[in-house]
Amino acid sequence: MAADRARRARSGPRGAPLDAAALTQVGEAIGDMPRRADLLIEALHAVQDRFGCIRHAHLRALAELFRLPHVVPYETATFYAHFDVLPDDAPAPPALTVRVCDSLPCAMAGSAALHDALRAALPEARVIAAPCMGACHRAPACAAGHRLIEGASVAAVRRAIAAPPRRPE
């Protein structure tokens, strides 16, 4: 009897309330993209590219627009190291994020020292550890924005940052 009352009491929407401004922002970021679950990662990229991060309210809006459980956009975004998921009230990250691979081959090739050197050399950037980037053959690896740098050094990262953006082929 008590369990039935508890179940009925929870029958409304769950999770964070939908933020109308975030819903509008996400709708504008993804434009006329079809609202299909197989395009969720593309939508996450669109939001990340537009705002420099993905706020919790954006994830809730994506769940609403794609008619998905709230947890699906969150789990997808937090699984991939290249999405910056932040609470709604957190300050925005710097314009540039440098991710330094901390997997075993990169660690053996000095990624911890590279991480520290990059933090000192690039105070304007956010330098963070990241999982494997698939460049173990040329460790240590890092990514400046979306640009992969194999055999990374502070000088190589500076060159990558200064180079004009590459266009997709």
Protein backbone atom coordinates (compact mmCIF):
# COMPACT_ATOMS: atom_id res chain seq x y z
CA MET A 1 0.00 0.00 0.00
CA ALA A 2 2.71 2.50 0.99
CA ALA A 3 4.78 1.43 -2.03
CA ASP A 4 1.85 2.22 -4.35
CA ARG A 5 1.52 5.71 -2.85
CA ALA A 6 5.25 6.31 -3.24
CA ARG A 7 5.18 5.13 -6.86
CA ARG A 8 2.21 7.42 -7.66
CA ALA A 9 3.95 10.36 -5.97
CA ARG A 10 6.98 9.94 -8.28
CA SER A 11 4.98 9.67 -11.49
CA GLY A 12 5.77 13.22 -12.67
CA PRO A 13 8.86 14.43 -14.53
CA ARG A 14 12.16 13.47 -12.95
CA GLY A 15 15.54 15.14 -13.02
CA ALA A 16 16.37 18.78 -13.47
CA PRO A 17 13.58 21.05 -14.66
CA LEU A 18 13.69 22.10 -18.29
CA ASP A 19 15.24 25.55 -18.78
CA ALA A 20 13.45 27.45 -21.56
CA ALA A 21 16.54 29.52 -22.44
CA ALA A 22 18.69 26.38 -22.73
CA LEU A 23 16.03 24.75 -24.90
CA THR A 24 16.15 27.75 -27.26
CA GLN A 25 19.96 27.81 -27.26
CA VAL A 26 20.24 24.12 -28.06
CA GLY A 27 17.54 24.37 -30.72
CA GLU A 28 19.48 27.18 -32.41
CA ALA A 29 22.79 25.30 -32.09
CA ILE A 30 21.51 22.13 -33.75
CA GLY A 31 19.29 23.91 -36.28
CA ASP A 32 17.32 21.61 -38.55
CA MET A 33 19.27 18.49 -37.57
CA PRO A 34 16.86 15.55 -37.35
CA ARG A 35 16.04 14.66 -33.75
CA ARG A 36 17.24 11.05 -33.88
CA ALA A 37 19.22 9.26 -31.18
CA ASP A 38 21.92 8.27 -33.67
CA LEU A 39 22.67 11.99 -34.18
CA LEU A 40 23.08 12.79 -30.48
CA ILE A 41 26.88 12.99 -30.71
CA GLU A 42 26.60 15.41 -33.64
CA ALA A 43 24.22 17.53 -31.56
CA LEU A 44 26.63 17.46 -28.61
CA HIS A 45 29.41 18.69 -30.92
CA ALA A 46 27.16 21.50 -32.18
CA VAL A 47 26.42 22.64 -28.62
CA GLN A 48 30.08 22.34 -27.56
CA ASP A 49 31.20 24.31 -30.64
CA ARG A 50 28.62 27.05 -30.08
CA PHE A 51 29.11 27.57 -26.34
CA GLY A 52 32.61 26.22 -25.66
CA CYS A 53 31.16 23.72 -23.20
CA ILE A 54 27.99 21.76 -22.53
CA ARG A 55 26.01 22.89 -19.51
CA HIS A 56 23.75 20.57 -17.54
CA ALA A 57 20.76 22.59 -18.77
CA HIS A 58 21.90 21.93 -22.35
CA LEU A 59 21.93 18.19 -21.65
CA ARG A 60 18.40 18.39 -20.25
CA ALA A 61 17.30 20.32 -23.36
CA LEU A 62 18.90 17.72 -25.64
CA ALA A 63 17.03 14.98 -23.79
CA GLU A 64 13.78 16.85 -24.36
CA LEU A 65 14.43 17.61 -28.05
CA PHE A 66 15.59 14.08 -28.83
CA ARG A 67 12.93 12.48 -26.61
CA LEU A 68 15.55 10.58 -24.63
CA PRO A 69 15.84 9.79 -20.94
CA HIS A 70 17.78 12.57 -19.20
CA VAL A 71 20.68 10.27 -18.44
CA VAL A 72 21.44 9.42 -22.10
CA PRO A 73 22.88 12.80 -23.18
CA TYR A 74 24.76 13.06 -19.87
CA GLU A 75 26.33 9.60 -20.14
CA THR A 76 27.20 10.16 -23.78
CA ALA A 77 28.80 13.56 -23.19
CA THR A 78 30.76 12.49 -20.13
CA PHE A 79 32.02 9.30 -21.80
CA TYR A 80 33.97 11.25 -24.44
CA ALA A 81 36.93 13.29 -23.17
CA HIS A 82 36.48 16.02 -25.76
CA PHE A 83 33.17 17.29 -24.39
CA ASP A 84 33.39 19.80 -21.54
CA VAL A 85 30.35 19.13 -19.34
CA LEU A 86 29.91 21.79 -16.67
CA PRO A 87 27.32 22.68 -14.04
CA ASP A 88 25.10 25.57 -15.05
CA ASP A 89 26.73 27.97 -12.58
CA ALA A 90 30.38 27.06 -13.32
CA PRO A 91 32.58 29.60 -15.09
CA ALA A 92 33.16 28.95 -18.78
CA PRO A 93 36.42 27.20 -19.63
CA PRO A 94 39.18 29.13 -21.42
CA ALA A 95 38.91 29.35 -25.20
CA LEU A 96 41.69 26.78 -25.58
CA THR A 97 41.87 23.40 -23.88
CA VAL A 98 44.98 21.26 -24.23
CA ARG A 99 44.45 17.62 -23.36
CA VAL A 100 47.52 15.58 -22.47
CA CYS A 101 47.21 11.81 -22.81
CA ASP A 102 47.89 10.02 -19.54
CA SER A 103 47.66 6.42 -20.77
CA LEU A 104 50.54 4.07 -20.01
CA PRO A 105 52.60 4.57 -23.22
CA CYS A 106 52.31 8.35 -22.94
CA ALA A 107 53.07 8.27 -19.22
CA MET A 108 56.21 6.25 -19.94
CA ALA A 109 57.16 8.85 -22.57
CA GLY A 110 56.88 11.73 -20.10
CA SER A 111 53.30 12.97 -20.35
CA ALA A 112 53.21 14.03 -16.67
CA ALA A 113 56.22 16.31 -17.18
CA LEU A 114 54.71 17.58 -20.44
CA HIS A 115 51.45 18.33 -18.63
CA ASP A 116 53.29 20.39 -16.00
CA ALA A 117 55.41 22.19 -18.61
CA LEU A 118 52.33 23.07 -20.69
CA ARG A 119 50.51 24.45 -17.63
CA ALA A 120 53.50 26.72 -16.98
CA ALA A 121 54.00 27.69 -20.63
CA LEU A 122 50.34 28.27 -21.53
CA PRO A 123 48.65 30.11 -18.65
CA GLU A 124 45.85 31.23 -20.98
CA ALA A 125 44.88 27.62 -21.73
CA ARG A 126 43.26 24.93 -19.68
CA VAL A 127 45.65 21.96 -19.60
CA ILE A 128 44.06 18.70 -18.47
CA ALA A 129 44.86 15.00 -18.46
CA ALA A 130 42.92 12.89 -20.94
CA PRO A 131 42.52 9.21 -21.82
CA CYS A 132 44.22 7.51 -24.76
CA MET A 133 44.13 9.42 -28.03
CA GLY A 134 45.20 6.52 -30.22
CA ALA A 135 48.71 7.84 -30.86
CA CYS A 136 50.65 5.43 -28.64
CA HIS A 137 53.15 4.84 -31.46
CA ARG A 138 54.29 8.50 -31.16
CA ALA A 139 53.90 9.16 -27.43
CA PRO A 140 53.41 11.45 -25.71
CA ALA A 141 50.30 12.68 -27.43
CA CYS A 142 48.11 15.65 -26.73
CA ALA A 143 45.36 17.61 -28.41
CA ALA A 144 45.18 21.38 -28.66
CA GLY A 145 41.54 22.06 -29.32
CA HIS A 146 40.73 19.34 -31.84
CA ARG A 147 44.25 19.09 -33.28
CA LEU A 148 46.14 15.91 -32.37
CA ILE A 149 49.85 16.38 -31.69
CA GLU A 150 51.98 13.24 -31.74
CA GLY A 151 55.43 13.19 -30.14
CA ALA A 152 54.27 16.29 -28.30
CA SER A 153 56.49 18.91 -26.74
CA VAL A 154 55.80 22.45 -25.56
CA ALA A 155 57.23 23.76 -28.84
CA ALA A 156 55.08 21.39 -30.93
CA VAL A 157 51.95 22.44 -29.03
CA ARG A 158 52.80 26.13 -29.53
CA ARG A 159 53.23 25.52 -33.29
CA ALA A 160 49.89 23.69 -33.46
CA ILE A 161 48.12 26.52 -31.64
CA ALA A 162 49.66 29.14 -33.94
CA ALA A 163 48.87 27.24 -37.15
CA PRO A 164 45.71 28.12 -39.04
CA PRO A 165 42.81 25.72 -38.46
CA ARG A 166 42.65 22.77 -40.81
CA ARG A 167 39.56 22.21 -42.88
CA PRO A 168 37.91 18.79 -42.96
CA GLU A 169 38.75 16.79 -46.06
